[in-house]
C-alpha atoms as a PDB file:
ATOM      1  CA  MET A   1       0.006   0.037   0.001  1.00  0.00           C
ATOM      2  CA  TRP A   2       1.326   3.359  -0.897  1.00  0.00           C
ATOM      3  CA  HIS A   3       1.703   6.171   1.707  1.00  0.00           C
ATOM      4  CA  LEU A   4       1.346   9.710   0.768  1.00  0.00           C
ATOM      5  CA  THR A   5       4.724  10.520   2.257  1.00  0.00           C
ATOM      6  CA  LYS A   6       6.400   8.159  -0.203  1.00  0.00           C
ATOM      7  CA  MET A   7       4.765   9.748  -3.390  1.00  0.00           C
ATOM      8  CA  THR A   8       6.740  12.356  -5.258  1.00  0.00           C
ATOM      9  CA  PRO A   9       5.187  15.543  -6.434  1.00  0.00           C
ATOM     10  CA  GLN A  10       5.629  14.402 -10.032  1.00  0.00           C
ATOM     11  CA  PHE A  11       3.597  11.311  -9.245  1.00  0.00           C
ATOM     12  CA  LEU A  12       0.865  13.221  -7.407  1.00  0.00           C
ATOM     13  CA  ALA A  13       0.615  15.604 -10.487  1.00  0.00           C
ATOM     14  CA  THR A  14       0.387  12.754 -12.910  1.00  0.00           C
ATOM     15  CA  ALA A  15      -2.263  11.074 -10.744  1.00  0.00           C
ATOM     16  CA  ALA A  16      -4.272  14.366 -10.556  1.00  0.00           C
ATOM     17  CA  LEU A  17      -3.903  14.667 -14.372  1.00  0.00           C
ATOM     18  CA  ALA A  18      -5.273  11.157 -14.925  1.00  0.00           C
ATOM     19  CA  VAL A  19      -8.242  11.816 -12.674  1.00  0.00           C
ATOM     20  CA  LEU A  20      -8.926  15.101 -14.537  1.00  0.00           C
ATOM     21  CA  LEU A  21      -8.790  13.307 -17.884  1.00  0.00           C
ATOM     22  CA  ILE A  22     -11.246  10.669 -16.644  1.00  0.00           C
ATOM     23  CA  ILE A  23     -13.616  13.289 -15.284  1.00  0.00           C
ATOM     24  CA  ALA A  24     -13.330  15.354 -18.560  1.00  0.00           C
ATOM     25  CA  ASP A  25     -13.978  12.256 -20.637  1.00  0.00           C
ATOM     26  CA  ALA A  26     -16.853  10.902 -18.711  1.00  0.00           C
ATOM     27  CA  PRO A  27     -19.449   9.313 -21.204  1.00  0.00           C
ATOM     28  CA  ALA A  28     -22.272  11.775 -20.374  1.00  0.00           C
ATOM     29  CA  ASN A  29     -20.066  14.829 -20.623  1.00  0.00           C
ATOM     30  CA  ALA A  30     -18.276  13.508 -23.755  1.00  0.00           C
ATOM     31  CA  GLN A  31     -21.652  12.753 -25.417  1.00  0.00           C
ATOM     32  CA  SER A  32     -22.963  16.125 -24.805  1.00  0.00           C
ATOM     33  CA  LEU A  33     -19.747  17.726 -26.103  1.00  0.00           C
ATOM     34  CA  ASN A  34     -19.831  15.542 -29.029  1.00  0.00           C
ATOM     35  CA  ASP A  35     -23.429  16.512 -29.772  1.00  0.00           C
ATOM     36  CA  LEU A  36     -22.584  20.158 -29.494  1.00  0.00           C
ATOM     37  CA  ARG A  37     -19.602  19.618 -31.761  1.00  0.00           C
ATOM     38  CA  ALA A  38     -21.582  17.746 -34.398  1.00  0.00           C
ATOM     39  CA  SER A  39     -24.297  20.337 -34.426  1.00  0.00           C
ATOM     40  CA  GLY A  40     -21.758  23.131 -34.931  1.00  0.00           C
ATOM     41  CA  ALA A  41     -22.611  24.914 -31.690  1.00  0.00           C
ATOM     42  CA  ILE A  42     -19.007  24.422 -30.452  1.00  0.00           C
ATOM     43  CA  GLY A  43     -15.945  24.134 -32.464  1.00  0.00           C
ATOM     44  CA  GLU A  44     -12.345  23.262 -31.721  1.00  0.00           C
ATOM     45  CA  ALA A  45      -9.238  25.266 -32.380  1.00  0.00           C
ATOM     46  CA  PHE A  46      -5.522  24.756 -33.286  1.00  0.00           C
ATOM     47  CA  ASP A  47      -4.574  25.695 -29.701  1.00  0.00           C
ATOM     48  CA  GLY A  48      -6.374  22.838 -28.082  1.00  0.00           C
ATOM     49  CA  PHE A  49      -9.224  25.017 -26.666  1.00  0.00           C
ATOM     50  CA  ALA A  50     -12.913  25.011 -27.727  1.00  0.00           C
ATOM     51  CA  ARG A  51     -14.626  27.986 -29.329  1.00  0.00           C
ATOM     52  CA  ALA A  52     -18.347  28.939 -29.086  1.00  0.00           C
ATOM     53  CA  ARG A  53     -20.040  28.944 -32.395  1.00  0.00           C
ATOM     54  CA  GLY A  54     -23.647  29.056 -31.297  1.00  0.00           C
ATOM     55  CA  ALA A  55     -25.665  31.459 -29.159  1.00  0.00           C
ATOM     56  CA  GLY A  56     -25.564  30.660 -25.457  1.00  0.00           C
ATOM     57  CA  MET A  57     -22.474  28.395 -25.728  1.00  0.00           C
ATOM     58  CA  GLN A  58     -19.866  30.642 -24.198  1.00  0.00           C
ATOM     59  CA  GLY A  59     -20.627  29.417 -20.648  1.00  0.00           C
ATOM     60  CA  LYS A  60     -20.246  25.674 -21.689  1.00  0.00           C
ATOM     61  CA  VAL A  61     -17.035  26.627 -23.521  1.00  0.00           C
ATOM     62  CA  ASP A  62     -15.623  28.486 -20.658  1.00  0.00           C
ATOM     63  CA  GLY A  63     -16.128  25.373 -18.386  1.00  0.00           C
ATOM     64  CA  ILE A  64     -14.548  23.022 -20.986  1.00  0.00           C
ATOM     65  CA  ASN A  65     -11.581  25.336 -21.486  1.00  0.00           C
ATOM     66  CA  GLY A  66     -11.073  25.780 -17.710  1.00  0.00           C
ATOM     67  CA  GLN A  67     -10.717  22.031 -17.306  1.00  0.00           C
ATOM     68  CA  ARG A  68      -8.460  21.735 -20.380  1.00  0.00           C
ATOM     69  CA  ARG A  69      -6.233  24.713 -19.150  1.00  0.00           C
ATOM     70  CA  THR A  70      -5.736  22.968 -15.733  1.00  0.00           C
ATOM     71  CA  ILE A  71      -4.722  19.730 -17.577  1.00  0.00           C
ATOM     72  CA  TYR A  72      -2.406  21.712 -20.039  1.00  0.00           C
ATOM     73  CA  GLU A  73      -0.758  23.630 -17.233  1.00  0.00           C
ATOM     74  CA  GLN A  74       0.003  20.574 -15.172  1.00  0.00           C
ATOM     75  CA  ARG A  75       1.319  18.668 -18.257  1.00  0.00           C
ATOM     76  CA  ALA A  76       3.390  21.698 -19.353  1.00  0.00           C
ATOM     77  CA  ALA A  77       4.988  21.956 -15.837  1.00  0.00           C
ATOM     78  CA  ALA A  78       5.721  18.185 -15.715  1.00  0.00           C
ATOM     79  CA  GLN A  79       7.273  18.256 -19.301  1.00  0.00           C
ATOM     80  CA  GLY A  80       9.091  21.639 -18.963  1.00  0.00           C
ATOM     81  CA  VAL A  81       7.239  23.037 -22.019  1.00  0.00           C
ATOM     82  CA  SER A  82       4.742  25.868 -22.639  1.00  0.00           C
ATOM     83  CA  VAL A  83       1.011  25.549 -22.181  1.00  0.00           C
ATOM     84  CA  GLY A  84       0.669  26.427 -25.805  1.00  0.00           C
ATOM     85  CA  GLN A  85       2.860  23.515 -26.902  1.00  0.00           C
ATOM     86  CA  VAL A  86       0.848  21.137 -24.829  1.00  0.00           C
ATOM     87  CA  GLY A  87      -2.508  22.675 -26.215  1.00  0.00           C
ATOM     88  CA  ARG A  88      -1.305  21.979 -29.783  1.00  0.00           C
ATOM     89  CA  VAL A  89      -0.548  18.345 -29.084  1.00  0.00           C
ATOM     90  CA  TYR A  90      -4.004  17.899 -27.409  1.00  0.00           C
ATOM     91  CA  ALA A  91      -5.563  19.828 -30.512  1.00  0.00           C
ATOM     92  CA  GLN A  92      -4.360  17.037 -32.724  1.00  0.00           C
ATOM     93  CA  GLN A  93      -5.808  14.247 -30.327  1.00  0.00           C
ATOM     94  CA  ILE A  94      -9.063  16.275 -30.136  1.00  0.00           C
ATOM     95  CA  PHE A  95      -9.267  16.352 -33.951  1.00  0.00           C
ATOM     96  CA  ASN A  96      -8.636  12.662 -34.230  1.00  0.00           C
ATOM     97  CA  ASN A  97     -11.259  11.825 -31.651  1.00  0.00           C
ATOM     98  CA  SER A  98     -13.984  14.178 -32.562  1.00  0.00           C
ATOM     99  CA  PRO A  99     -17.052  13.193 -34.497  1.00  0.00           C
ATOM    100  CA  ALA A 100     -17.720  14.086 -38.034  1.00  0.00           C
ATOM    101  CA  GLY A 101     -19.275  17.385 -38.604  1.00  0.00           C
ATOM    102  CA  THR A 102     -16.985  19.022 -35.903  1.00  0.00           C
ATOM    103  CA  TRP A 103     -15.854  22.537 -36.869  1.00  0.00           C
ATOM    104  CA  PHE A 104     -12.084  23.355 -36.498  1.00  0.00           C
ATOM    105  CA  LEU A 105     -10.506  26.843 -36.287  1.00  0.00           C
ATOM    106  CA  SER A 106      -7.083  27.023 -37.977  1.00  0.00           C
ATOM    107  CA  GLU A 107      -4.405  29.315 -36.859  1.00  0.00           C
ATOM    108  CA  SER A 108      -5.056  31.695 -39.803  1.00  0.00           C
ATOM    109  CA  GLY A 109      -8.708  32.082 -38.554  1.00  0.00           C
ATOM    110  CA  GLY A 110     -10.597  29.950 -40.997  1.00  0.00           C
ATOM    111  CA  TRP A 111     -13.173  27.351 -40.044  1.00  0.00           C
ATOM    112  CA  THR A 112     -13.206  23.947 -41.652  1.00  0.00           C
ATOM    113  CA  ARG A 113     -15.507  20.975 -40.969  1.00  0.00           C
ATOM    114  CA  LYS A 114     -14.373  17.425 -40.396  1.00  0.00           C
END
């Protein structure tokens, strides 16, 4: 059995990140986000953060991005890189795992649909 005194800060940060990823990817939440993506109400961007595309979506997007920022900051600190670099890596994963119909914002400001 592990004792908290024997766990390194890096291990605790990694464990916290894993918990956040599980919470962020919970089926009900993911389904809701996927529905919003497929409908075009929420889009994804090159930086790994969501964007509101529909009326009344900014609050939902702010919540999603708050969770993502926490994960990105923890990962950046653990890896010794910038939050922006981490966001770009996650953006590719988000693109790969998002449903058809999801809108993506490129770095040049143009929207394209998957």
